[in-house]
N, C-alpha and C. Protein backbone atom coordinates (compact mmCIF):
# COMPACT_ATOMS: atom_id res chain seq x y z
N GLY A 1 18.57 -6.90 25.75
CA GLY A 1 18.03 -5.56 25.73
C GLY A 1 16.63 -5.51 26.31
N PHE A 2 16.18 -4.31 26.64
CA PHE A 2 14.85 -4.13 27.19
C PHE A 2 13.79 -4.34 26.12
N ILE A 3 12.64 -4.85 26.55
CA ILE A 3 11.51 -5.01 25.65
C ILE A 3 10.77 -3.68 25.60
N SER A 4 10.52 -3.19 24.41
CA SER A 4 9.79 -1.94 24.24
C SER A 4 8.30 -2.24 24.20
N THR A 5 7.67 -2.31 25.38
CA THR A 5 6.23 -2.56 25.44
C THR A 5 5.52 -1.34 26.00
N HIS A 6 4.39 -1.03 25.43
CA HIS A 6 3.58 0.05 25.96
C HIS A 6 2.63 -0.53 27.00
N SER A 7 1.80 0.29 27.59
CA SER A 7 0.88 -0.21 28.60
C SER A 7 -0.08 -1.20 27.97
N TYR A 8 -0.39 -2.25 28.70
CA TYR A 8 -1.33 -3.25 28.22
C TYR A 8 -2.23 -3.65 29.37
N ALA A 9 -3.37 -4.25 29.04
CA ALA A 9 -4.38 -4.56 30.05
C ALA A 9 -3.84 -5.51 31.10
N GLY A 10 -4.12 -5.22 32.35
CA GLY A 10 -3.80 -6.14 33.43
C GLY A 10 -2.32 -6.42 33.57
N LYS A 11 -1.49 -5.40 33.76
CA LYS A 11 -0.06 -5.61 33.90
C LYS A 11 0.24 -6.65 34.98
N MET A 12 1.22 -7.53 34.70
CA MET A 12 1.56 -8.59 35.64
C MET A 12 2.99 -8.40 36.12
N ILE A 13 3.23 -8.64 37.40
CA ILE A 13 4.52 -8.35 38.02
C ILE A 13 5.65 -9.09 37.32
N ASN A 14 5.43 -10.35 36.95
CA ASN A 14 6.52 -11.16 36.42
C ASN A 14 6.61 -11.16 34.90
N ALA A 15 5.81 -10.35 34.22
CA ALA A 15 5.90 -10.30 32.76
C ALA A 15 7.31 -9.89 32.35
N PRO A 16 7.89 -10.53 31.33
CA PRO A 16 9.27 -10.22 30.93
C PRO A 16 9.45 -8.74 30.58
N THR A 17 10.54 -8.18 31.04
CA THR A 17 10.91 -6.81 30.67
C THR A 17 12.19 -6.79 29.85
N LEU A 18 12.87 -7.95 29.77
CA LEU A 18 14.10 -8.08 28.99
C LEU A 18 13.94 -9.20 27.97
N TRP A 19 14.57 -9.02 26.82
CA TRP A 19 14.60 -10.09 25.83
C TRP A 19 15.44 -11.25 26.36
N SER A 20 15.07 -12.44 25.98
CA SER A 20 15.82 -13.63 26.34
C SER A 20 15.62 -14.70 25.28
N LYS A 21 16.48 -15.69 25.29
CA LYS A 21 16.31 -16.82 24.37
C LYS A 21 14.98 -17.50 24.62
N GLU A 22 14.60 -17.63 25.91
CA GLU A 22 13.37 -18.32 26.28
C GLU A 22 12.14 -17.60 25.74
N LEU A 23 12.13 -16.27 25.82
CA LEU A 23 11.00 -15.51 25.28
C LEU A 23 10.95 -15.67 23.77
N GLY A 24 12.11 -15.70 23.13
CA GLY A 24 12.15 -15.92 21.69
C GLY A 24 11.55 -17.26 21.31
N VAL A 25 11.87 -18.31 22.06
CA VAL A 25 11.32 -19.64 21.79
C VAL A 25 9.80 -19.62 21.90
N VAL A 26 9.29 -18.98 22.95
CA VAL A 26 7.84 -18.93 23.16
C VAL A 26 7.15 -18.22 22.01
N ILE A 27 7.69 -17.09 21.56
CA ILE A 27 7.09 -16.35 20.45
C ILE A 27 7.18 -17.17 19.16
N GLY A 28 8.30 -17.86 18.96
CA GLY A 28 8.45 -18.69 17.78
C GLY A 28 7.41 -19.80 17.73
N TRP A 29 7.18 -20.45 18.88
CA TRP A 29 6.16 -21.51 18.92
C TRP A 29 4.77 -20.93 18.69
N LEU A 30 4.54 -19.75 19.25
CA LEU A 30 3.24 -19.10 19.09
C LEU A 30 2.95 -18.80 17.63
N ILE A 31 3.96 -18.30 16.90
CA ILE A 31 3.77 -18.03 15.48
C ILE A 31 3.61 -19.32 14.69
N GLY A 32 4.39 -20.34 15.05
CA GLY A 32 4.36 -21.58 14.31
C GLY A 32 3.13 -22.43 14.56
N ASP A 33 2.77 -22.58 15.84
CA ASP A 33 1.68 -23.49 16.18
C ASP A 33 0.81 -22.90 17.29
N GLY A 34 0.49 -21.63 17.16
CA GLY A 34 -0.36 -20.98 18.14
C GLY A 34 -1.38 -20.10 17.46
N CYS A 35 -2.12 -19.36 18.25
CA CYS A 35 -3.12 -18.47 17.67
C CYS A 35 -3.44 -17.33 18.64
N MET A 36 -3.86 -16.23 18.05
CA MET A 36 -4.34 -15.07 18.81
C MET A 36 -5.76 -14.80 18.33
N THR A 37 -6.71 -14.75 19.24
CA THR A 37 -8.10 -14.50 18.85
C THR A 37 -8.60 -13.21 19.45
N ARG A 38 -9.39 -12.49 18.67
CA ARG A 38 -9.99 -11.23 19.11
C ARG A 38 -11.46 -11.19 18.70
N LYS A 39 -12.17 -12.25 19.03
CA LYS A 39 -13.58 -12.32 18.68
C LYS A 39 -14.41 -11.94 19.91
N SER A 40 -15.22 -12.86 20.41
CA SER A 40 -16.02 -12.54 21.60
C SER A 40 -15.13 -12.36 22.82
N THR A 41 -14.02 -13.09 22.86
CA THR A 41 -13.03 -12.93 23.92
C THR A 41 -11.66 -12.87 23.29
N THR A 42 -10.74 -12.20 23.97
CA THR A 42 -9.37 -12.11 23.48
C THR A 42 -8.51 -13.11 24.23
N SER A 43 -7.78 -13.94 23.51
CA SER A 43 -6.95 -14.96 24.15
C SER A 43 -5.78 -15.30 23.25
N VAL A 44 -4.83 -16.00 23.83
CA VAL A 44 -3.68 -16.49 23.08
C VAL A 44 -3.50 -17.96 23.43
N GLY A 45 -3.22 -18.79 22.41
CA GLY A 45 -3.15 -20.22 22.66
C GLY A 45 -1.98 -20.88 21.94
N PHE A 46 -1.48 -21.96 22.53
CA PHE A 46 -0.39 -22.75 21.96
C PHE A 46 -0.90 -24.17 21.74
N THR A 47 -0.53 -24.79 20.63
CA THR A 47 -0.98 -26.14 20.33
C THR A 47 0.23 -27.08 20.28
N PHE A 48 0.04 -28.28 20.85
CA PHE A 48 1.12 -29.27 20.91
C PHE A 48 0.57 -30.63 20.50
N GLY A 49 1.38 -31.38 19.76
CA GLY A 49 1.01 -32.73 19.42
C GLY A 49 1.18 -33.64 20.64
N LYS A 50 0.66 -34.84 20.53
CA LYS A 50 0.76 -35.79 21.65
C LYS A 50 1.99 -36.68 21.54
N ASP A 51 2.84 -36.42 20.54
CA ASP A 51 4.06 -37.20 20.41
C ASP A 51 5.12 -36.68 21.39
N GLU A 52 6.28 -37.30 21.38
CA GLU A 52 7.33 -36.94 22.33
C GLU A 52 7.76 -35.49 22.17
N GLU A 53 7.92 -35.05 20.92
CA GLU A 53 8.34 -33.66 20.68
C GLU A 53 7.29 -32.67 21.18
N GLY A 54 6.01 -33.00 20.97
CA GLY A 54 4.94 -32.13 21.42
C GLY A 54 4.89 -32.01 22.94
N ILE A 55 5.07 -33.12 23.63
CA ILE A 55 5.05 -33.11 25.09
C ILE A 55 6.22 -32.32 25.65
N GLU A 56 7.40 -32.47 25.02
CA GLU A 56 8.56 -31.70 25.47
C GLU A 56 8.33 -30.21 25.24
N GLY A 57 7.71 -29.87 24.11
CA GLY A 57 7.38 -28.47 23.84
C GLY A 57 6.40 -27.92 24.86
N LEU A 58 5.40 -28.72 25.20
CA LEU A 58 4.40 -28.32 26.21
C LEU A 58 5.07 -28.04 27.54
N LYS A 59 5.98 -28.91 27.97
CA LYS A 59 6.67 -28.73 29.25
C LYS A 59 7.47 -27.42 29.24
N TYR A 60 8.17 -27.17 28.14
CA TYR A 60 9.02 -25.98 28.04
C TYR A 60 8.18 -24.70 28.05
N ILE A 61 7.19 -24.64 27.18
CA ILE A 61 6.37 -23.43 27.05
C ILE A 61 5.58 -23.18 28.33
N SER A 62 4.95 -24.21 28.87
CA SER A 62 4.10 -24.03 30.05
C SER A 62 4.91 -23.59 31.27
N SER A 63 6.13 -24.11 31.41
CA SER A 63 6.94 -23.73 32.57
C SER A 63 7.30 -22.25 32.54
N HIS A 64 7.67 -21.73 31.36
CA HIS A 64 8.04 -20.32 31.27
C HIS A 64 6.81 -19.42 31.33
N MET A 65 5.71 -19.83 30.72
CA MET A 65 4.50 -19.01 30.78
C MET A 65 3.97 -18.93 32.20
N LYS A 66 4.09 -20.02 32.95
CA LYS A 66 3.65 -19.99 34.34
C LYS A 66 4.54 -19.08 35.18
N GLU A 67 5.84 -19.08 34.87
CA GLU A 67 6.79 -18.22 35.58
C GLU A 67 6.48 -16.75 35.32
N TRP A 68 6.14 -16.41 34.08
CA TRP A 68 5.92 -15.01 33.71
C TRP A 68 4.52 -14.53 34.03
N PHE A 69 3.55 -15.36 33.87
CA PHE A 69 2.17 -14.92 33.97
C PHE A 69 1.41 -15.71 35.04
N SER A 70 0.65 -16.67 34.61
CA SER A 70 -0.10 -17.52 35.53
C SER A 70 -0.40 -18.81 34.80
N LYS A 71 -0.96 -19.74 35.50
CA LYS A 71 -1.27 -21.03 34.88
C LYS A 71 -2.36 -20.87 33.84
N GLY A 72 -2.15 -21.43 32.67
CA GLY A 72 -3.14 -21.34 31.61
C GLY A 72 -4.18 -22.43 31.70
N CYS A 73 -5.12 -22.35 30.81
CA CYS A 73 -6.19 -23.35 30.73
C CYS A 73 -5.80 -24.40 29.69
N MET A 74 -5.70 -25.66 30.11
CA MET A 74 -5.27 -26.71 29.21
C MET A 74 -6.45 -27.58 28.80
N SER A 75 -6.54 -27.87 27.50
CA SER A 75 -7.58 -28.77 27.01
C SER A 75 -6.93 -29.83 26.14
N VAL A 76 -7.40 -31.06 26.27
CA VAL A 76 -6.84 -32.18 25.52
C VAL A 76 -7.85 -32.65 24.50
N ARG A 77 -7.45 -32.66 23.25
CA ARG A 77 -8.31 -33.13 22.17
C ARG A 77 -7.79 -34.47 21.67
N SER A 78 -8.46 -35.02 20.68
CA SER A 78 -8.09 -36.35 20.19
C SER A 78 -6.66 -36.39 19.65
N ARG A 79 -6.24 -35.31 18.99
CA ARG A 79 -4.92 -35.32 18.35
C ARG A 79 -3.95 -34.29 18.91
N ALA A 80 -4.40 -33.39 19.77
CA ALA A 80 -3.53 -32.31 20.21
C ALA A 80 -3.89 -31.83 21.61
N ILE A 81 -2.97 -31.06 22.18
CA ILE A 81 -3.16 -30.42 23.49
C ILE A 81 -3.10 -28.92 23.27
N GLN A 82 -4.04 -28.19 23.84
CA GLN A 82 -4.09 -26.73 23.69
C GLN A 82 -3.86 -26.08 25.04
N LEU A 83 -2.97 -25.09 25.07
CA LEU A 83 -2.69 -24.32 26.28
C LEU A 83 -3.10 -22.88 25.99
N THR A 84 -4.09 -22.36 26.74
CA THR A 84 -4.69 -21.07 26.42
C THR A 84 -4.55 -20.10 27.59
N PHE A 85 -4.30 -18.83 27.26
CA PHE A 85 -4.20 -17.77 28.26
C PHE A 85 -5.14 -16.64 27.86
N GLY A 86 -5.51 -15.82 28.85
CA GLY A 86 -6.53 -14.80 28.64
C GLY A 86 -6.05 -13.49 28.07
N ARG A 87 -6.92 -12.50 28.20
CA ARG A 87 -6.75 -11.21 27.54
C ARG A 87 -5.44 -10.51 27.89
N SER A 88 -5.07 -10.45 29.16
CA SER A 88 -3.89 -9.69 29.55
C SER A 88 -2.62 -10.27 28.94
N VAL A 89 -2.55 -11.60 28.84
CA VAL A 89 -1.38 -12.23 28.23
C VAL A 89 -1.37 -11.96 26.72
N ALA A 90 -2.54 -12.03 26.09
CA ALA A 90 -2.64 -11.73 24.66
C ALA A 90 -2.22 -10.29 24.39
N GLU A 91 -2.60 -9.38 25.26
CA GLU A 91 -2.22 -7.98 25.08
C GLU A 91 -0.71 -7.80 25.18
N PHE A 92 -0.07 -8.57 26.07
CA PHE A 92 1.39 -8.49 26.19
C PHE A 92 2.04 -8.87 24.87
N PHE A 93 1.62 -9.99 24.29
CA PHE A 93 2.23 -10.43 23.03
C PHE A 93 1.87 -9.51 21.87
N SER A 94 0.72 -8.88 21.92
CA SER A 94 0.34 -7.96 20.85
C SER A 94 1.26 -6.74 20.84
N THR A 95 1.76 -6.33 22.02
CA THR A 95 2.70 -5.20 22.07
C THR A 95 4.03 -5.56 21.42
N LEU A 96 4.30 -6.86 21.28
CA LEU A 96 5.53 -7.31 20.63
C LEU A 96 5.30 -7.60 19.15
N GLY A 97 4.11 -7.29 18.66
CA GLY A 97 3.84 -7.42 17.23
C GLY A 97 3.18 -8.71 16.82
N VAL A 98 2.79 -9.56 17.77
CA VAL A 98 2.06 -10.78 17.44
C VAL A 98 0.62 -10.39 17.16
N MET A 99 0.10 -10.77 16.00
CA MET A 99 -1.22 -10.32 15.58
C MET A 99 -2.19 -11.48 15.41
N ASP A 100 -3.44 -11.12 15.21
CA ASP A 100 -4.50 -12.10 14.96
C ASP A 100 -4.41 -12.50 13.49
N TYR A 101 -3.42 -13.37 13.19
CA TYR A 101 -3.15 -13.73 11.80
C TYR A 101 -4.15 -14.75 11.26
N LYS A 102 -4.35 -14.68 9.94
CA LYS A 102 -4.85 -15.83 9.22
C LYS A 102 -3.61 -16.58 8.76
N SER A 103 -3.73 -17.88 8.58
CA SER A 103 -2.54 -18.69 8.32
C SER A 103 -1.74 -18.20 7.12
N ALA A 104 -2.42 -17.69 6.09
CA ALA A 104 -1.72 -17.27 4.88
C ALA A 104 -1.08 -15.90 5.00
N THR A 105 -1.30 -15.20 6.11
CA THR A 105 -0.74 -13.85 6.28
C THR A 105 0.20 -13.75 7.48
N LYS A 106 0.63 -14.87 8.02
CA LYS A 106 1.54 -14.85 9.16
C LYS A 106 2.84 -14.15 8.78
N ARG A 107 3.40 -13.41 9.75
CA ARG A 107 4.69 -12.75 9.57
C ARG A 107 5.53 -12.94 10.82
N VAL A 108 6.82 -12.76 10.68
CA VAL A 108 7.68 -12.66 11.86
C VAL A 108 7.37 -11.32 12.53
N PRO A 109 7.05 -11.30 13.83
CA PRO A 109 6.76 -10.02 14.50
C PRO A 109 7.90 -9.02 14.30
N GLU A 110 7.55 -7.77 14.06
CA GLU A 110 8.56 -6.75 13.78
C GLU A 110 9.58 -6.61 14.89
N SER A 111 9.15 -6.83 16.14
CA SER A 111 10.06 -6.68 17.28
C SER A 111 11.22 -7.66 17.23
N ILE A 112 11.01 -8.82 16.61
CA ILE A 112 12.06 -9.84 16.56
C ILE A 112 13.26 -9.33 15.76
N PHE A 113 13.02 -8.53 14.73
CA PHE A 113 14.11 -8.06 13.88
C PHE A 113 15.08 -7.15 14.63
N SER A 114 14.62 -6.50 15.69
CA SER A 114 15.50 -5.63 16.47
C SER A 114 15.86 -6.23 17.82
N ALA A 115 15.50 -7.49 18.04
CA ALA A 115 15.80 -8.16 19.30
C ALA A 115 17.26 -8.61 19.33
N PRO A 116 17.81 -8.87 20.52
CA PRO A 116 19.19 -9.39 20.60
C PRO A 116 19.32 -10.75 19.92
N LYS A 117 20.55 -11.11 19.58
CA LYS A 117 20.82 -12.33 18.83
C LYS A 117 20.26 -13.56 19.53
N GLU A 118 20.42 -13.65 20.86
CA GLU A 118 19.95 -14.84 21.57
C GLU A 118 18.44 -15.01 21.47
N ALA A 119 17.70 -13.89 21.43
CA ALA A 119 16.25 -13.97 21.30
C ALA A 119 15.86 -14.39 19.88
N ILE A 120 16.60 -13.92 18.88
CA ILE A 120 16.34 -14.31 17.49
C ILE A 120 16.59 -15.81 17.32
N ILE A 121 17.69 -16.31 17.89
CA ILE A 121 17.99 -17.74 17.81
C ILE A 121 16.90 -18.53 18.52
N GLY A 122 16.45 -18.04 19.68
CA GLY A 122 15.36 -18.71 20.39
C GLY A 122 14.09 -18.73 19.55
N PHE A 123 13.78 -17.62 18.90
CA PHE A 123 12.60 -17.55 18.03
C PHE A 123 12.67 -18.61 16.94
N LEU A 124 13.81 -18.72 16.28
CA LEU A 124 13.97 -19.71 15.21
C LEU A 124 13.85 -21.13 15.76
N GLN A 125 14.39 -21.36 16.94
CA GLN A 125 14.27 -22.68 17.56
C GLN A 125 12.81 -23.02 17.83
N GLY A 126 12.07 -22.06 18.37
CA GLY A 126 10.66 -22.30 18.66
C GLY A 126 9.85 -22.51 17.41
N LEU A 127 10.09 -21.70 16.38
CA LEU A 127 9.33 -21.80 15.13
C LEU A 127 9.62 -23.12 14.42
N PHE A 128 10.90 -23.49 14.31
CA PHE A 128 11.24 -24.74 13.63
C PHE A 128 10.82 -25.95 14.44
N SER A 129 10.82 -25.85 15.77
CA SER A 129 10.36 -26.96 16.60
C SER A 129 8.86 -27.19 16.41
N ALA A 130 8.12 -26.10 16.23
CA ALA A 130 6.67 -26.21 16.07
C ALA A 130 6.28 -26.65 14.66
N ASP A 131 6.95 -26.12 13.64
CA ASP A 131 6.49 -26.30 12.25
C ASP A 131 7.55 -26.84 11.30
N GLY A 132 8.72 -27.14 11.81
CA GLY A 132 9.80 -27.58 10.94
C GLY A 132 9.97 -29.09 10.90
N SER A 133 10.88 -29.54 10.06
CA SER A 133 11.17 -30.97 9.95
C SER A 133 12.59 -31.16 9.45
N VAL A 134 13.13 -32.35 9.71
CA VAL A 134 14.42 -32.75 9.16
C VAL A 134 14.15 -33.90 8.21
N GLN A 135 14.56 -33.74 6.96
CA GLN A 135 14.29 -34.78 5.95
C GLN A 135 15.60 -35.35 5.44
N THR A 136 15.66 -36.67 5.40
CA THR A 136 16.87 -37.35 4.96
C THR A 136 16.57 -38.28 3.80
N SER A 137 17.56 -38.46 2.96
CA SER A 137 17.48 -39.41 1.85
C SER A 137 18.76 -40.23 1.86
N PHE A 138 18.65 -41.49 2.30
CA PHE A 138 19.83 -42.33 2.37
C PHE A 138 20.37 -42.65 0.97
N GLU A 139 19.45 -42.74 0.00
CA GLU A 139 19.87 -43.05 -1.37
C GLU A 139 20.72 -41.91 -1.95
N LYS A 140 20.27 -40.68 -1.70
CA LYS A 140 20.98 -39.51 -2.23
C LYS A 140 22.04 -39.00 -1.25
N LYS A 141 22.10 -39.62 -0.06
CA LYS A 141 23.02 -39.19 0.99
C LYS A 141 22.82 -37.70 1.28
N ALA A 142 21.55 -37.31 1.42
CA ALA A 142 21.21 -35.90 1.62
C ALA A 142 20.41 -35.72 2.90
N CYS A 143 20.53 -34.55 3.49
CA CYS A 143 19.77 -34.20 4.68
C CYS A 143 19.48 -32.70 4.63
N SER A 144 18.26 -32.31 4.92
CA SER A 144 17.88 -30.90 4.89
C SER A 144 16.94 -30.58 6.03
N VAL A 145 16.97 -29.32 6.46
CA VAL A 145 16.05 -28.79 7.46
C VAL A 145 15.01 -27.97 6.71
N ARG A 146 13.72 -28.19 7.03
CA ARG A 146 12.66 -27.52 6.26
C ARG A 146 11.62 -26.89 7.18
N LEU A 147 11.03 -25.82 6.68
CA LEU A 147 9.95 -25.13 7.39
C LEU A 147 8.83 -24.90 6.39
N SER A 148 7.65 -25.44 6.67
CA SER A 148 6.51 -25.32 5.77
C SER A 148 5.50 -24.31 6.30
N SER A 149 4.86 -23.59 5.39
CA SER A 149 3.85 -22.61 5.78
C SER A 149 3.01 -22.23 4.57
N SER A 150 1.78 -21.86 4.83
CA SER A 150 0.94 -21.32 3.75
C SER A 150 1.20 -19.83 3.55
N SER A 151 2.05 -19.24 4.40
CA SER A 151 2.42 -17.83 4.27
C SER A 151 3.82 -17.72 3.67
N GLU A 152 3.88 -17.32 2.41
CA GLU A 152 5.19 -17.10 1.78
C GLU A 152 5.91 -15.94 2.45
N LEU A 153 5.15 -14.95 2.93
CA LEU A 153 5.76 -13.78 3.58
C LEU A 153 6.47 -14.19 4.87
N LEU A 154 5.89 -15.12 5.62
CA LEU A 154 6.54 -15.60 6.84
C LEU A 154 7.89 -16.22 6.50
N LEU A 155 7.93 -17.05 5.48
CA LEU A 155 9.17 -17.71 5.11
C LEU A 155 10.20 -16.71 4.58
N ARG A 156 9.74 -15.66 3.88
CA ARG A 156 10.66 -14.62 3.43
C ARG A 156 11.27 -13.90 4.64
N ASP A 157 10.44 -13.64 5.66
CA ASP A 157 10.94 -13.01 6.88
C ASP A 157 11.97 -13.90 7.57
N VAL A 158 11.66 -15.19 7.67
CA VAL A 158 12.58 -16.13 8.31
C VAL A 158 13.88 -16.20 7.52
N GLN A 159 13.79 -16.15 6.20
CA GLN A 159 14.98 -16.18 5.36
C GLN A 159 15.91 -15.01 5.68
N LEU A 160 15.33 -13.84 5.95
CA LEU A 160 16.13 -12.67 6.32
C LEU A 160 16.84 -12.88 7.66
N LEU A 161 16.12 -13.44 8.63
CA LEU A 161 16.74 -13.72 9.93
C LEU A 161 17.90 -14.70 9.77
N LEU A 162 17.70 -15.71 8.93
CA LEU A 162 18.74 -16.71 8.71
C LEU A 162 19.96 -16.10 8.02
N ILE A 163 19.72 -15.23 7.02
CA ILE A 163 20.83 -14.60 6.31
C ILE A 163 21.68 -13.78 7.27
N ASN A 164 21.03 -13.09 8.22
CA ASN A 164 21.77 -12.30 9.21
C ASN A 164 22.62 -13.16 10.12
N LEU A 165 22.32 -14.46 10.18
CA LEU A 165 23.13 -15.40 10.96
C LEU A 165 24.12 -16.15 10.05
N GLY A 166 24.17 -15.77 8.78
CA GLY A 166 25.07 -16.41 7.85
C GLY A 166 24.57 -17.72 7.29
N ILE A 167 23.25 -17.95 7.36
CA ILE A 167 22.66 -19.21 6.93
C ILE A 167 21.87 -18.99 5.64
N ILE A 168 22.25 -19.72 4.60
CA ILE A 168 21.60 -19.59 3.30
C ILE A 168 20.45 -20.60 3.20
N SER A 169 19.32 -20.16 2.63
CA SER A 169 18.17 -21.04 2.45
C SER A 169 17.49 -20.72 1.12
N SER A 170 16.58 -21.59 0.72
CA SER A 170 15.79 -21.35 -0.49
C SER A 170 14.32 -21.58 -0.17
N ILE A 171 13.44 -21.03 -1.00
CA ILE A 171 12.00 -21.18 -0.79
C ILE A 171 11.38 -21.69 -2.09
N ARG A 172 10.52 -22.67 -1.98
CA ARG A 172 9.85 -23.21 -3.17
C ARG A 172 8.36 -23.38 -2.89
N LEU A 173 7.59 -23.38 -3.96
CA LEU A 173 6.16 -23.66 -3.85
C LEU A 173 6.00 -25.17 -3.75
N ARG A 174 5.48 -25.62 -2.62
CA ARG A 174 5.34 -27.05 -2.39
C ARG A 174 4.04 -27.59 -2.95
N ARG A 175 2.97 -26.79 -2.84
CA ARG A 175 1.66 -27.23 -3.32
C ARG A 175 0.82 -26.02 -3.69
N LYS A 176 0.18 -26.08 -4.85
CA LYS A 176 -0.70 -25.00 -5.27
C LYS A 176 -2.02 -25.06 -4.51
N SER A 177 -2.73 -23.94 -4.46
CA SER A 177 -4.04 -23.94 -3.81
C SER A 177 -5.00 -24.79 -4.63
N GLY A 178 -6.01 -25.35 -3.95
CA GLY A 178 -6.96 -26.21 -4.66
C GLY A 178 -7.96 -26.81 -3.70
N GLU A 179 -8.36 -28.04 -3.97
CA GLU A 179 -9.30 -28.76 -3.11
C GLU A 179 -8.76 -30.16 -2.85
N THR A 180 -9.04 -30.67 -1.66
CA THR A 180 -8.61 -32.02 -1.32
C THR A 180 -9.57 -32.61 -0.31
N TYR A 181 -9.56 -33.93 -0.19
CA TYR A 181 -10.41 -34.61 0.78
C TYR A 181 -9.63 -34.81 2.08
N LEU A 182 -10.24 -34.37 3.18
CA LEU A 182 -9.64 -34.49 4.50
C LEU A 182 -10.69 -34.97 5.48
N PRO A 183 -10.29 -35.68 6.56
CA PRO A 183 -11.26 -36.14 7.55
C PRO A 183 -11.76 -34.99 8.41
N ASP A 184 -13.08 -34.95 8.69
CA ASP A 184 -13.63 -33.94 9.58
C ASP A 184 -13.48 -34.41 11.02
N SER A 185 -14.13 -33.71 11.96
CA SER A 185 -13.99 -34.04 13.38
C SER A 185 -14.50 -35.44 13.71
N LYS A 186 -15.33 -36.00 12.85
CA LYS A 186 -15.85 -37.35 13.07
C LYS A 186 -15.13 -38.40 12.23
N GLY A 187 -14.10 -37.96 11.51
CA GLY A 187 -13.33 -38.89 10.71
C GLY A 187 -13.90 -39.15 9.33
N VAL A 188 -14.95 -38.41 8.95
CA VAL A 188 -15.57 -38.58 7.64
C VAL A 188 -14.83 -37.73 6.62
N GLN A 189 -14.50 -38.34 5.47
CA GLN A 189 -13.79 -37.62 4.42
C GLN A 189 -14.69 -36.59 3.76
N LYS A 190 -14.25 -35.32 3.75
CA LYS A 190 -15.00 -34.24 3.11
C LYS A 190 -14.05 -33.41 2.27
N LYS A 191 -14.60 -32.75 1.26
CA LYS A 191 -13.80 -31.91 0.38
C LYS A 191 -13.61 -30.53 1.01
N TYR A 192 -12.36 -30.10 1.09
CA TYR A 192 -12.03 -28.80 1.65
C TYR A 192 -11.15 -28.04 0.67
N LYS A 193 -11.26 -26.69 0.72
CA LYS A 193 -10.35 -25.86 -0.04
C LYS A 193 -9.01 -25.80 0.70
N THR A 194 -7.92 -25.91 -0.03
CA THR A 194 -6.60 -25.87 0.58
C THR A 194 -5.81 -24.69 0.04
N SER A 195 -5.06 -24.06 0.93
CA SER A 195 -4.21 -22.93 0.53
C SER A 195 -2.93 -23.44 -0.10
N ALA A 196 -2.27 -22.56 -0.82
CA ALA A 196 -0.95 -22.90 -1.36
C ALA A 196 0.00 -23.15 -0.19
N GLN A 197 0.92 -24.05 -0.37
CA GLN A 197 1.89 -24.39 0.68
C GLN A 197 3.30 -24.12 0.17
N TYR A 198 4.07 -23.40 0.98
CA TYR A 198 5.45 -23.08 0.63
C TYR A 198 6.41 -23.77 1.59
N GLU A 199 7.65 -23.90 1.17
CA GLU A 199 8.63 -24.61 1.99
C GLU A 199 9.98 -23.90 1.92
N LEU A 200 10.53 -23.59 3.07
CA LEU A 200 11.88 -23.04 3.17
C LEU A 200 12.82 -24.21 3.40
N ILE A 201 13.90 -24.27 2.62
CA ILE A 201 14.80 -25.41 2.66
C ILE A 201 16.22 -24.95 3.00
N ILE A 202 16.81 -25.61 3.99
CA ILE A 202 18.21 -25.36 4.37
C ILE A 202 18.97 -26.67 4.19
N ASP A 203 19.96 -26.66 3.32
CA ASP A 203 20.74 -27.88 3.13
C ASP A 203 22.22 -27.54 2.97
N ALA A 204 23.02 -28.57 2.76
CA ALA A 204 24.46 -28.41 2.54
C ALA A 204 25.10 -27.58 3.65
N ASP A 205 25.91 -26.56 3.26
CA ASP A 205 26.62 -25.75 4.24
C ASP A 205 25.65 -24.99 5.15
N GLY A 206 24.52 -24.57 4.58
CA GLY A 206 23.53 -23.85 5.38
C GLY A 206 22.99 -24.70 6.50
N ARG A 207 22.76 -25.99 6.22
CA ARG A 207 22.26 -26.91 7.24
C ARG A 207 23.27 -27.07 8.37
N ASN A 208 24.54 -27.19 8.02
CA ASN A 208 25.56 -27.34 9.04
C ASN A 208 25.67 -26.09 9.91
N MET A 209 25.57 -24.92 9.28
CA MET A 209 25.61 -23.67 10.02
C MET A 209 24.38 -23.54 10.94
N PHE A 210 23.23 -23.96 10.43
CA PHE A 210 21.99 -23.93 11.21
C PHE A 210 22.14 -24.81 12.47
N SER A 211 22.68 -26.00 12.29
CA SER A 211 22.88 -26.91 13.41
C SER A 211 23.84 -26.32 14.44
N GLU A 212 24.90 -25.67 13.93
CA GLU A 212 25.92 -25.10 14.81
C GLU A 212 25.38 -23.94 15.63
N LYS A 213 24.57 -23.08 14.98
CA LYS A 213 24.13 -21.84 15.64
C LYS A 213 22.83 -21.98 16.37
């Protein structure tokens, strides 16, 4: 279906006008491991780890973003790679409901709920690839797919998308808010406040359905 976007700054010829699985993946990764900033400058950025999965994600996201918009600005840090785009690209995603979230208030963009099935599946693939995990227990002969977030609302939204695909999941409080010691940019352990962490869990028949779809 067509994307319902209003006018945004700096319209680009190749910006998507139709929903696709690929656009869904990009939005999913953006929600899971990206950011939208509206401070001194407006930009949108994607973060990737330096492991094999992160590099594959970088190749996928960067190839489609370059096709739709233009080459982004890439920066390499000690533990991650950041791919950043400017104001006009950020405005495009804002028309699709991507907002300048704080981590604890992330939501599934409203546009995703009315998107075609292939775009919803792409969104879930992107989100779980960025922030999900597969956990196995050989002793218990168990395997589950999990998605962690400090936003319970995000996981509730994802649960609705999954239910519409016939996939059952559960949500639990993984960690209460508090304080913990974490390394700073120089590797020195410092005390930081930590948000509550929630976890969406898909196992048993739901896991098999998730894998299939």
